[in-house]
Amino acid sequence: MQIAIIHYHLNPGGVTQVIANHLQSLDLALDDNRNCRVAIFHGGETKDWNPPCLKSLRNIKVSIHSVAALGYDAWPEEQPDSTGLSDDLHRRLAEIGFDPAGTVIHVHNHSLGKNISLPGALHKLAASGYPLLLQIHDFAEDFRPEQYARISKAISASQRGPVADFLYPQASHIHYAVLNGRDCKVLAQSGVAVDRLHELPNPIVEFEQLRADNKSQNIVKKDLGIPVDTPLVLFPVRGIRRKNIGELLMWSALMRTKAFFGVTLAPNNVAELPAYNRWKGMTKEAGLRCIFELGAKLSFQESLAAADALITTSVAEGCGMVFLEAQLAGHSLLGRKLPEITDEFEQNHIDLSFLYDRFAIPIDLIGRDHLRQQIVVAYQKTISAFDRKSYNDSELMDSFDRLIADGTIDFAMLTPEIQSRLILEASNSEQYCEKLLEENPLISVAQDRITESQIVSKNAKAVRAHYCPLSCGQRLQEMYRRLLVVDREEAVAVLARCDELLDFFLEIERFRPVRSMS
């Protein structure tokens, strides 16, 4: 079996860590069958990528190959060169003996608009007989207007047709892997054949022994300026917009002297920095006990060891690793659940009942008319980048009314400007905080949850049962084997019901202004 893995880069973290975990998982599943070759193709950036698992693989031989045209596009207006990239990949595959008959090409996030030459190149590879496993971690259609508009513009320049036809080719030897049941459902509704769709949750790898004894934890806290008897609640993420950092700061305002909060990393993407820096400035202005960029001072393992609990306020995730990793790290998890993702976890006996679906803010603290205007304007501005019909005013008003039917609105539905104002109010008024805590009882009892261990222990067992590396490796092996024996079609078809993708992802009920506003 020969597997060619394609990704834009091999910089540490994110999808690159998933690739490393997949290799480890597949190696476990191969059961001493030492006949698997894996070639990883990337765009040139690696930052000395050398995960420990590469040294311990028993059944897989890995080679790494740089193809410059696979990297992120250097400038936004770059024109696609699918033929050039396809030719490069064909040549490099041939050089190492990876022919279409014995090779599966496994591509990560091909449709996200990071490299507008890649989707067309994959069409050509599929037409030449290579079976493809296209793994989607994130959708450009899911409120990523800049990326979607860029793809649309590139397609229009080459007179190709609808975006979905370009991004989601269809053939018997083109299969799709997604992280959760939601994404399986939306792709099936859009026309991807069910037998070509695979749910592949990210494997959750056990942490090395955390430095969790009290003495070590106290040393770390002292270095950070945190009293040893004050909990540190960690948000182990890059502070990009969809992580909803404003809500984390609202937690900090509400818990006041009861806890310190921390964010591990700053964004890499320059487009994310204005929002991130604004939240850092607000933290200082409001005197909040929140520490940014802990990852610059501590390793990820040390950050976890220093923490007393983890938190998530994210409004959108592909896999939702923190919901699972928190359990294996032995930490209670606070904050927001994401039913689109977490319902599946709960079906697998992971107890997330202590997380909230929405952070309720009374409408009278904002003003109904002002709020409606802010949300509607932000939504209309966001969806203008997508190739779809706009809602009329009546539809938008009806949707808004549904959002506030109980007299409150979810904090995540607010614009950054309104969020900032509420955080400042909470930081200055204990009475204001009490009103918000009355509306959100799960936050009121959060401090008691920090030291909870019984639920975490049960959850960890469920995570190991359902999301272990061996299970992932077995799924991968089965997908690869199926693709190697399917008939190859010369003609690559288009998605049958491409509008279904946008209709699902762009519903106003799914809109969160913080995802696209700075």
Protein backbone atom coordinates (compact mmCIF):
# COMPACT_ATOMS: atom_id res chain seq x y z
CA MET A 1 0.00 0.00 0.00
CA GLN A 2 1.28 3.45 -0.99
CA ILE A 3 -0.19 6.64 0.46
CA ALA A 4 0.65 10.14 -0.77
CA ILE A 5 -0.34 12.76 1.82
CA ILE A 6 -0.73 16.35 0.59
CA HIS A 7 -0.84 19.46 2.77
CA TYR A 8 0.24 23.06 2.33
CA HIS A 9 2.96 22.98 4.99
CA LEU A 10 4.43 20.96 7.84
CA ASN A 11 4.56 23.70 10.45
CA PRO A 12 3.76 22.32 13.92
CA GLY A 13 0.18 22.22 15.18
CA GLY A 14 -3.28 21.95 13.68
CA VAL A 15 -3.66 19.71 10.64
CA THR A 16 0.04 18.88 10.71
CA GLN A 17 -0.40 17.32 14.15
CA VAL A 18 -3.36 15.37 12.79
CA ILE A 19 -1.10 13.98 10.04
CA ALA A 20 1.40 12.83 12.66
CA ASN A 21 -1.40 11.26 14.71
CA HIS A 22 -2.73 9.51 11.60
CA LEU A 23 0.67 7.99 10.91
CA GLN A 24 0.87 6.72 14.47
CA SER A 25 -2.69 5.38 14.26
CA LEU A 26 -2.19 3.65 10.91
CA ASP A 27 1.03 2.08 12.15
CA LEU A 28 -0.87 0.52 15.06
CA ALA A 29 -3.55 -0.86 12.75
CA LEU A 30 -1.17 -2.40 10.20
CA ASP A 31 -0.23 -5.19 12.62
CA ASP A 32 3.39 -5.73 11.52
CA ASN A 33 2.54 -5.68 7.81
CA ARG A 34 5.69 -3.83 6.76
CA ASN A 35 4.53 -3.00 3.24
CA CYS A 36 3.20 0.54 3.62
CA ARG A 37 5.02 3.50 2.11
CA VAL A 38 3.87 7.04 2.90
CA ALA A 39 5.12 10.06 0.97
CA ILE A 40 4.23 13.46 2.45
CA PHE A 41 4.13 16.34 -0.05
CA HIS A 42 4.15 19.91 1.30
CA GLY A 43 4.74 23.45 0.12
CA GLY A 44 8.17 24.01 1.62
CA GLU A 45 7.54 25.31 5.15
CA THR A 46 8.38 22.77 7.84
CA LYS A 47 9.86 24.62 10.86
CA ASP A 48 11.94 21.51 11.58
CA TRP A 49 8.88 19.26 11.69
CA ASN A 50 10.01 16.06 13.35
CA PRO A 51 7.25 14.55 15.50
CA PRO A 52 8.38 11.81 17.88
CA CYS A 53 6.07 9.28 16.23
CA LEU A 54 8.18 9.26 13.03
CA LYS A 55 11.01 7.60 14.92
CA SER A 56 8.79 4.90 16.43
CA LEU A 57 6.87 3.75 13.34
CA ARG A 58 7.31 0.00 12.82
CA ASN A 59 5.18 -0.71 9.76
CA ILE A 60 5.41 2.47 7.69
CA LYS A 61 8.28 3.94 5.74
CA VAL A 62 7.90 7.72 5.46
CA SER A 63 9.50 10.09 2.96
CA ILE A 64 8.97 13.85 2.85
CA HIS A 65 8.95 15.91 -0.36
CA SER A 66 8.81 19.66 -0.91
CA VAL A 67 6.74 20.97 -3.86
CA ALA A 68 6.90 24.77 -3.82
CA ALA A 69 3.62 25.23 -5.70
CA LEU A 70 1.73 23.46 -2.87
CA GLY A 71 2.30 26.28 -0.37
CA TYR A 72 -0.13 29.01 0.57
CA ASP A 73 -0.61 31.46 -2.29
CA ALA A 74 1.86 34.30 -1.93
CA TRP A 75 -0.63 37.09 -2.64
CA PRO A 76 -4.44 37.32 -2.69
CA GLU A 77 -4.78 38.06 -6.41
CA GLU A 78 -2.68 35.11 -7.55
CA GLN A 79 -4.18 33.27 -10.54
CA PRO A 80 -4.60 29.49 -10.47
CA ASP A 81 -2.07 27.31 -12.28
CA SER A 82 -3.69 23.91 -11.87
CA THR A 83 -1.87 22.41 -14.84
CA GLY A 84 1.54 23.42 -13.52
CA LEU A 85 0.84 22.02 -10.05
CA SER A 86 -0.66 18.84 -11.46
CA ASP A 87 2.37 18.31 -13.68
CA ASP A 88 4.71 18.85 -10.71
CA LEU A 89 2.83 16.31 -8.59
CA HIS A 90 2.63 13.77 -11.43
CA ARG A 91 6.36 14.01 -11.95
CA ARG A 92 7.24 13.72 -8.26
CA LEU A 93 4.87 10.77 -7.77
CA ALA A 94 6.39 8.98 -10.76
CA GLU A 95 9.92 9.58 -9.49
CA ILE A 96 9.22 7.60 -6.31
CA GLY A 97 7.18 4.89 -8.03
CA PHE A 98 3.77 5.99 -6.77
CA ASP A 99 1.61 4.95 -9.75
CA PRO A 100 -2.20 5.32 -9.86
CA ALA A 101 -2.85 1.57 -9.56
CA GLY A 102 -1.16 1.23 -6.18
CA THR A 103 -1.43 4.70 -4.62
CA VAL A 104 -4.07 6.62 -2.69
CA ILE A 105 -3.67 10.40 -2.50
CA HIS A 106 -4.90 11.72 0.86
CA VAL A 107 -5.36 15.51 0.77
CA HIS A 108 -6.07 17.75 3.77
CA ASN A 109 -8.28 20.86 3.48
CA HIS A 110 -8.03 21.16 -0.30
CA SER A 111 -11.16 23.33 -0.50
CA LEU A 112 -10.30 26.13 1.93
CA GLY A 113 -8.91 28.65 -0.56
CA LYS A 114 -5.36 28.64 0.77
CA ASN A 115 -4.04 27.53 -2.63
CA ILE A 116 -6.40 28.11 -5.53
CA SER A 117 -4.40 25.90 -7.89
CA LEU A 118 -4.87 22.77 -5.78
CA PRO A 119 -8.54 21.89 -6.48
CA GLY A 120 -8.01 21.99 -10.24
CA ALA A 121 -4.81 19.96 -9.93
CA LEU A 122 -6.73 17.30 -8.00
CA HIS A 123 -9.31 17.11 -10.80
CA LYS A 124 -6.46 16.31 -13.19
CA LEU A 125 -4.90 13.73 -10.88
CA ALA A 126 -8.27 12.01 -10.49
CA ALA A 127 -8.84 12.07 -14.27
CA SER A 128 -5.48 10.32 -14.72
CA GLY A 129 -6.59 7.49 -12.44
CA TYR A 130 -5.30 8.39 -8.98
CA PRO A 131 -7.85 7.60 -6.24
CA LEU A 132 -8.35 10.56 -3.90
CA LEU A 133 -9.33 10.80 -0.25
CA LEU A 134 -10.21 14.44 0.29
CA GLN A 135 -10.31 15.18 4.01
CA ILE A 136 -12.16 18.35 4.96
CA HIS A 137 -11.34 19.85 8.34
CA ASP A 138 -12.96 23.24 7.65
CA PHE A 139 -15.36 24.61 5.03
CA ALA A 140 -14.85 27.93 3.26
CA GLU A 141 -18.66 28.07 3.09
CA ASP A 142 -18.83 28.14 6.90
CA PHE A 143 -18.65 31.91 7.39
CA ARG A 144 -15.17 32.36 5.91
CA PRO A 145 -16.09 35.18 3.52
CA GLU A 146 -12.57 36.26 2.55
CA GLN A 147 -11.56 32.74 1.55
CA TYR A 148 -14.81 31.96 -0.25
CA ALA A 149 -14.74 35.23 -2.19
CA ARG A 150 -11.18 34.54 -3.25
CA ILE A 151 -12.11 31.09 -4.57
CA SER A 152 -15.14 32.50 -6.37
CA LYS A 153 -13.08 35.21 -8.02
CA ALA A 154 -10.46 32.73 -9.22
CA ILE A 155 -13.14 30.46 -10.66
CA SER A 156 -14.87 33.34 -12.42
CA ALA A 157 -11.57 34.37 -14.00
CA SER A 158 -11.16 30.90 -15.46
CA GLN A 159 -14.87 30.59 -16.45
CA ARG A 160 -15.37 27.34 -14.57
CA GLY A 161 -18.84 27.61 -13.02
CA PRO A 162 -20.21 27.24 -9.48
CA VAL A 163 -17.77 27.16 -6.61
CA ALA A 164 -18.99 23.81 -5.29
CA ASP A 165 -18.48 22.15 -8.68
CA PHE A 166 -14.87 23.26 -8.59
CA LEU A 167 -14.23 22.30 -4.96
CA TYR A 168 -16.06 18.97 -4.67
CA PRO A 169 -15.36 16.69 -7.68
CA GLN A 170 -17.37 13.47 -7.91
CA ALA A 171 -16.24 10.05 -9.16
CA SER A 172 -16.22 6.48 -7.88
CA HIS A 173 -12.53 6.84 -6.96
CA ILE A 174 -12.94 10.19 -5.15
CA HIS A 175 -13.98 9.78 -1.52
CA TYR A 176 -14.41 12.33 1.25
CA ALA A 177 -13.40 12.13 4.91
CA VAL A 178 -14.89 14.51 7.46
CA LEU A 179 -14.53 14.94 11.20
CA ASN A 180 -18.11 14.55 12.36
CA GLY A 181 -21.65 13.48 11.55
CA ARG A 182 -22.77 17.03 10.80
CA ASP A 183 -20.34 17.34 7.91
CA CYS A 184 -21.26 13.87 6.62
CA LYS A 185 -24.90 14.91 6.59
CA VAL A 186 -24.41 18.21 4.77
CA LEU A 187 -22.21 16.64 2.08
CA ALA A 188 -24.70 13.82 1.57
CA GLN A 189 -27.53 16.33 1.24
CA SER A 190 -25.44 18.19 -1.33
CA GLY A 191 -25.03 15.12 -3.53
CA VAL A 192 -21.97 13.17 -2.37
CA ALA A 193 -22.78 9.45 -2.54
CA VAL A 194 -23.03 7.95 0.94
CA ASP A 195 -20.67 5.10 0.07
CA ARG A 196 -17.99 7.69 -0.77
CA LEU A 197 -18.34 9.52 2.55
CA HIS A 198 -16.37 8.60 5.67
CA GLU A 199 -16.53 9.97 9.18
CA LEU A 200 -12.99 10.14 10.55
CA PRO A 201 -12.73 11.82 13.97
CA ASN A 202 -9.27 12.98 14.91
CA PRO A 203 -7.49 10.42 17.08
CA ILE A 204 -6.95 11.61 20.64
CA VAL A 205 -3.44 10.69 21.66
CA GLU A 206 -2.54 10.19 25.30
CA PHE A 207 -0.50 12.96 26.86
CA GLU A 208 2.91 12.20 28.24
CA GLN A 209 2.99 12.26 32.02
CA LEU A 210 1.96 15.77 32.95
CA ARG A 211 4.00 17.68 35.50
CA ALA A 212 0.95 17.81 37.72
CA ASP A 213 2.25 17.52 41.26
CA ASN A 214 1.45 20.50 43.46
CA LYS A 215 5.08 21.52 43.92
CA SER A 216 5.73 21.81 40.18
CA GLN A 217 2.42 23.54 39.57
CA ASN A 218 3.15 26.05 42.31
CA ILE A 219 6.53 26.88 40.75
CA VAL A 220 4.91 27.57 37.39
CA LYS A 221 2.21 29.72 38.97
CA LYS A 222 4.79 31.71 40.87
CA ASP A 223 6.69 32.36 37.64
CA LEU A 224 3.45 33.63 36.08
CA GLY A 225 2.59 35.84 39.06
CA ILE A 226 -0.45 33.76 40.05
CA PRO A 227 -1.11 33.09 43.77
CA VAL A 228 -0.75 29.36 44.39
CA ASP A 229 -4.21 29.13 45.94
CA THR A 230 -5.91 30.79 42.92
CA PRO A 231 -7.04 28.50 40.07
CA LEU A 232 -5.62 28.96 36.56
CA VAL A 233 -8.26 28.25 33.90
CA LEU A 234 -6.57 27.66 30.55
CA PHE A 235 -7.93 28.12 27.02
CA PRO A 236 -5.40 26.01 25.04
CA VAL A 237 -5.78 27.65 21.61
CA ARG A 238 -4.50 30.30 19.25
CA GLY A 239 -6.53 33.44 19.89
CA ILE A 240 -8.24 33.63 16.49
CA ARG A 241 -11.66 35.20 16.07
CA ARG A 242 -13.78 32.05 16.09
CA LYS A 243 -12.41 31.20 19.53
CA ASN A 244 -14.60 34.06 20.82
CA ILE A 245 -12.01 35.57 23.16
CA GLY A 246 -14.46 38.25 24.30
CA GLU A 247 -16.51 35.59 26.07
CA LEU A 248 -13.41 34.38 27.88
CA LEU A 249 -12.85 37.93 29.09
CA MET A 250 -16.46 38.10 30.27
CA TRP A 251 -15.76 34.99 32.35
CA SER A 252 -12.74 36.77 33.80
CA ALA A 253 -14.87 39.80 34.67
CA LEU A 254 -17.55 37.65 36.31
CA MET A 255 -15.15 35.53 38.36
CA ARG A 256 -13.10 38.57 39.36
CA THR A 257 -10.72 37.46 42.14
CA LYS A 258 -11.77 33.80 42.01
CA ALA A 259 -9.52 32.68 39.12
CA PHE A 260 -6.89 33.61 36.58
CA PHE A 261 -7.49 32.81 32.92
CA GLY A 262 -4.96 32.13 30.20
CA VAL A 263 -4.69 31.80 26.40
CA THR A 264 -1.79 29.76 25.07
CA LEU A 265 -0.91 31.28 21.67
CA ALA A 266 -1.28 34.38 19.49
CA PRO A 267 -2.65 33.99 15.94
CA ASN A 268 -0.29 33.19 13.07
CA ASN A 269 -2.58 34.77 10.48
CA VAL A 270 -2.03 38.54 10.22
CA ALA A 271 -5.73 39.01 9.43
CA GLU A 272 -6.52 37.76 12.94
CA LEU A 273 -4.14 40.08 14.78
CA PRO A 274 -6.29 43.27 14.95
CA ALA A 275 -9.08 41.50 16.85
CA TYR A 276 -6.62 39.65 19.07
CA ASN A 277 -4.68 42.80 19.95
CA ARG A 278 -7.90 44.64 20.69
CA TRP A 279 -8.90 41.96 23.23
CA LYS A 280 -5.45 42.16 24.82
CA GLY A 281 -5.85 45.94 25.12
CA MET A 282 -9.29 45.53 26.67
CA THR A 283 -7.89 43.09 29.24
CA LYS A 284 -5.44 45.73 30.40
CA GLU A 285 -8.05 48.52 30.31
CA ALA A 286 -10.52 46.53 32.41
CA GLY A 287 -7.89 45.14 34.79
CA LEU A 288 -8.87 41.56 34.05
CA ARG A 289 -6.88 38.60 35.32
CA CYS A 290 -6.15 37.01 31.97
CA ILE A 291 -2.67 36.09 30.71
CA PHE A 292 -2.03 35.89 26.97
CA GLU A 293 0.56 33.79 25.11
CA LEU A 294 1.35 31.35 27.86
CA GLY A 295 2.76 29.13 25.13
CA ALA A 296 5.63 31.59 24.69
CA LYS A 297 6.66 30.91 28.28
CA LEU A 298 5.71 27.25 28.67
CA SER A 299 5.48 24.14 26.50
CA PHE A 300 2.00 22.78 25.82
CA GLN A 301 2.58 20.03 28.39
CA GLU A 302 3.75 22.56 30.98
CA SER A 303 0.73 24.78 30.28
CA LEU A 304 -1.60 21.84 30.90
CA ALA A 305 0.27 20.92 34.05
CA ALA A 306 0.04 24.47 35.39
CA ALA A 307 -3.72 24.65 34.77
CA ASP A 308 -6.38 23.73 37.30
CA ALA A 309 -9.09 23.52 34.64
CA LEU A 310 -9.60 24.14 30.92
CA ILE A 311 -12.19 26.32 29.22
CA THR A 312 -13.58 26.75 25.73
CA THR A 313 -15.64 29.67 24.42
CA SER A 314 -15.21 28.81 20.74
CA VAL A 315 -18.20 29.33 18.44
CA ALA A 316 -17.07 26.98 15.66
CA GLU A 317 -14.92 23.86 15.52
CA GLY A 318 -14.22 21.09 13.06
CA CYS A 319 -13.38 18.32 15.52
CA GLY A 320 -13.52 20.00 18.93
CA MET A 321 -10.32 18.48 20.29
CA VAL A 322 -10.45 20.41 23.57
CA PHE A 323 -13.69 18.65 24.60
CA LEU A 324 -11.86 15.32 24.41
CA GLU A 325 -8.30 16.28 25.30
CA ALA A 326 -9.40 17.92 28.54
CA GLN A 327 -10.59 14.54 29.78
CA LEU A 328 -7.26 12.80 29.02
CA ALA A 329 -5.38 15.69 30.63
CA GLY A 330 -7.39 15.05 33.80
CA HIS A 331 -8.91 18.54 33.86
CA SER A 332 -12.47 19.74 34.27
CA LEU A 333 -13.74 21.67 31.27
CA LEU A 334 -15.75 24.88 31.59
CA GLY A 335 -17.55 27.07 29.09
CA ARG A 336 -19.51 26.58 25.89
CA LYS A 337 -20.57 23.39 24.17
CA LEU A 338 -21.24 23.25 20.41
CA PRO A 339 -24.23 20.96 19.82
CA GLU A 340 -23.36 20.42 16.14
CA ILE A 341 -20.13 18.81 17.34
CA THR A 342 -20.65 17.84 20.96
CA ASP A 343 -23.97 15.98 20.58
CA GLU A 344 -21.93 13.18 19.02
CA PHE A 345 -19.55 13.15 21.99
CA GLU A 346 -22.44 12.94 24.41
CA GLN A 347 -23.93 10.03 22.43
CA ASN A 348 -20.61 8.30 23.08
CA HIS A 349 -21.10 8.70 26.85
CA ILE A 350 -18.93 11.78 27.38
CA ASP A 351 -20.70 13.90 29.98
CA LEU A 352 -20.73 17.58 28.97
CA SER A 353 -23.84 18.54 30.91
CA PHE A 354 -21.91 21.18 32.85
CA LEU A 355 -21.31 23.23 29.67
CA TYR A 356 -23.86 25.73 28.35
CA ASP A 357 -25.38 25.99 24.85
CA ARG A 358 -25.70 29.76 25.08
CA PHE A 359 -24.48 32.58 27.33
CA ALA A 360 -27.69 34.48 27.96
CA ILE A 361 -27.57 38.29 27.96
CA PRO A 362 -30.78 40.17 28.82
CA ILE A 363 -31.92 42.28 25.89
CA ASP A 364 -32.66 45.23 28.17
CA LEU A 365 -28.92 45.59 28.84
CA ILE A 366 -28.37 46.42 25.17
CA GLY A 367 -31.54 47.73 23.60
CA ARG A 368 -33.60 45.70 21.14
CA ASP A 369 -33.50 48.09 18.18
CA HIS A 370 -29.79 48.79 18.47
CA LEU A 371 -29.04 45.08 18.76
CA ARG A 372 -31.21 44.17 15.77
CA GLN A 373 -29.56 46.79 13.60
CA GLN A 374 -26.04 45.67 14.59
CA ILE A 375 -26.65 41.97 13.95
CA VAL A 376 -28.60 42.39 10.70
CA VAL A 377 -26.03 44.77 9.22
CA ALA A 378 -23.16 42.49 10.23
CA TYR A 379 -24.91 39.44 8.76
CA GLN A 380 -25.75 41.13 5.46
CA LYS A 381 -22.18 42.38 5.12
CA THR A 382 -20.80 38.91 5.76
CA ILE A 383 -23.00 36.99 3.34
CA SER A 384 -22.42 39.51 0.54
CA ALA A 385 -19.20 37.61 -0.22
CA PHE A 386 -21.08 34.37 -0.91
CA ASP A 387 -22.84 33.36 -4.12
CA ARG A 388 -26.33 33.09 -2.71
CA LYS A 389 -29.56 35.01 -2.43
CA SER A 390 -29.85 37.59 0.32
CA TYR A 391 -32.59 37.44 2.89
CA ASN A 392 -35.24 40.12 2.56
CA ASP A 393 -35.93 42.43 5.50
CA SER A 394 -38.99 40.51 6.63
CA GLU A 395 -37.10 37.19 6.77
CA LEU A 396 -34.28 38.78 8.71
CA MET A 397 -36.63 40.35 11.24
CA ASP A 398 -38.39 37.01 11.76
CA SER A 399 -35.05 35.29 12.29
CA PHE A 400 -33.93 37.97 14.74
CA ASP A 401 -37.15 37.63 16.73
CA ARG A 402 -36.53 33.89 17.08
CA LEU A 403 -33.07 34.59 18.47
CA ILE A 404 -34.46 36.71 21.32
CA ALA A 405 -37.74 34.90 21.97
CA ASP A 406 -37.01 34.51 25.70
CA GLY A 407 -35.87 38.10 26.21
CA THR A 408 -32.18 37.23 26.07
CA ILE A 409 -29.57 36.82 23.35
CA ASP A 410 -26.50 34.62 23.24
CA PHE A 411 -23.33 36.56 24.00
CA ALA A 412 -21.74 34.92 20.94
CA MET A 413 -24.37 36.56 18.70
CA LEU A 414 -23.16 40.03 19.70
CA THR A 415 -20.78 42.15 17.68
CA PRO A 416 -17.30 42.71 19.17
CA GLU A 417 -18.25 46.32 19.89
CA ILE A 418 -21.24 45.30 22.02
CA GLN A 419 -19.29 42.50 23.68
CA SER A 420 -16.57 44.97 24.67
CA ARG A 421 -19.07 47.36 26.23
CA LEU A 422 -20.67 44.58 28.30
CA ILE A 423 -17.28 43.34 29.52
CA LEU A 424 -16.36 46.83 30.72
CA GLU A 425 -19.71 47.15 32.49
CA ALA A 426 -19.19 43.79 34.24
CA SER A 427 -15.64 44.68 35.27
CA ASN A 428 -16.92 47.85 36.96
CA SER A 429 -20.14 46.70 38.60
CA GLU A 430 -20.72 43.82 40.98
CA GLN A 431 -24.48 44.32 40.63
CA TYR A 432 -24.17 43.96 36.85
CA CYS A 433 -22.23 40.71 37.32
CA GLU A 434 -24.88 39.34 39.67
CA LYS A 435 -27.57 39.93 37.04
CA LEU A 436 -25.59 38.03 34.42
CA LEU A 437 -24.83 35.18 36.81
CA GLU A 438 -28.53 34.83 37.61
CA GLU A 439 -29.18 34.28 33.90
CA ASN A 440 -26.28 31.82 33.61
CA PRO A 441 -26.26 29.48 36.62
CA LEU A 442 -23.63 27.15 35.13
CA ILE A 443 -21.12 29.98 35.42
CA SER A 444 -22.15 30.63 39.01
CA VAL A 445 -21.14 27.11 40.01
CA ALA A 446 -18.04 26.97 37.79
CA GLN A 447 -15.58 27.39 40.64
CA ASP A 448 -16.95 24.24 42.27
CA ARG A 449 -16.40 22.36 38.99
CA ILE A 450 -12.69 23.17 38.81
CA THR A 451 -11.69 20.42 41.20
CA GLU A 452 -14.22 17.85 39.93
CA SER A 453 -12.50 14.54 39.19
CA GLN A 454 -15.14 11.79 39.12
CA ILE A 455 -16.82 12.95 35.91
CA VAL A 456 -13.45 13.59 34.26
CA SER A 457 -12.33 10.06 35.05
CA LYS A 458 -15.47 8.53 33.52
CA ASN A 459 -15.17 10.77 30.49
CA ALA A 460 -11.55 9.77 29.95
CA LYS A 461 -12.61 6.12 29.71
CA ALA A 462 -15.21 7.03 27.08
CA VAL A 463 -12.67 9.05 25.08
CA ARG A 464 -10.25 6.12 25.07
CA ALA A 465 -13.03 3.77 23.97
CA HIS A 466 -14.32 5.83 21.05
CA TYR A 467 -11.48 8.08 19.87
CA CYS A 468 -8.33 6.04 20.37
CA PRO A 469 -5.55 5.96 17.74
CA LEU A 470 -6.10 2.27 16.95
CA SER A 471 -9.74 2.91 16.00
CA CYS A 472 -8.68 5.78 13.73
CA GLY A 473 -5.95 3.65 12.15
CA GLN A 474 -8.40 0.87 11.39
CA ARG A 475 -10.77 3.32 9.71
CA LEU A 476 -7.94 4.79 7.66
CA GLN A 477 -6.73 1.38 6.57
CA GLU A 478 -10.23 0.39 5.43
CA MET A 479 -10.68 3.63 3.46
CA TYR A 480 -7.35 3.21 1.70
CA ARG A 481 -8.06 -0.43 0.83
CA ARG A 482 -11.47 0.39 -0.59
CA LEU A 483 -10.07 3.18 -2.75
CA LEU A 484 -7.34 0.94 -4.15
CA VAL A 485 -9.86 -1.52 -5.57
CA VAL A 486 -12.63 0.78 -6.87
CA ASP A 487 -13.14 1.31 -10.59
CA ARG A 488 -11.56 4.49 -11.94
CA GLU A 489 -13.75 6.88 -13.92
CA GLU A 490 -12.19 9.05 -16.58
CA ALA A 491 -14.92 11.68 -16.35
CA VAL A 492 -15.07 13.69 -13.11
CA ALA A 493 -18.62 14.86 -12.33
CA VAL A 494 -19.90 17.82 -10.31
CA LEU A 495 -21.86 18.11 -7.08
CA ALA A 496 -25.56 17.50 -7.71
CA ARG A 497 -27.08 19.95 -5.22
CA CYS A 498 -24.33 22.47 -4.54
CA ASP A 499 -26.66 25.12 -3.06
CA GLU A 500 -27.33 22.84 -0.09
CA LEU A 501 -23.88 23.58 1.36
CA LEU A 502 -24.38 27.34 1.50
CA ASP A 503 -28.00 27.04 2.59
CA PHE A 504 -26.89 25.03 5.61
CA PHE A 505 -23.77 26.88 6.66
CA LEU A 506 -25.09 30.42 6.14
CA GLU A 507 -28.31 30.22 8.16
CA ILE A 508 -28.56 33.33 10.32
CA GLU A 509 -29.03 31.14 13.41
CA ARG A 510 -25.46 29.89 12.82
CA PHE A 511 -24.06 33.38 12.34
CA ARG A 512 -21.60 34.68 14.92
CA PRO A 513 -20.34 38.23 14.21
CA VAL A 514 -17.05 37.64 16.06
CA ARG A 515 -15.99 35.17 13.35
CA SER A 516 -15.69 37.82 10.64
CA MET A 517 -15.47 41.16 12.47
CA SER A 518 -12.42 42.72 14.07
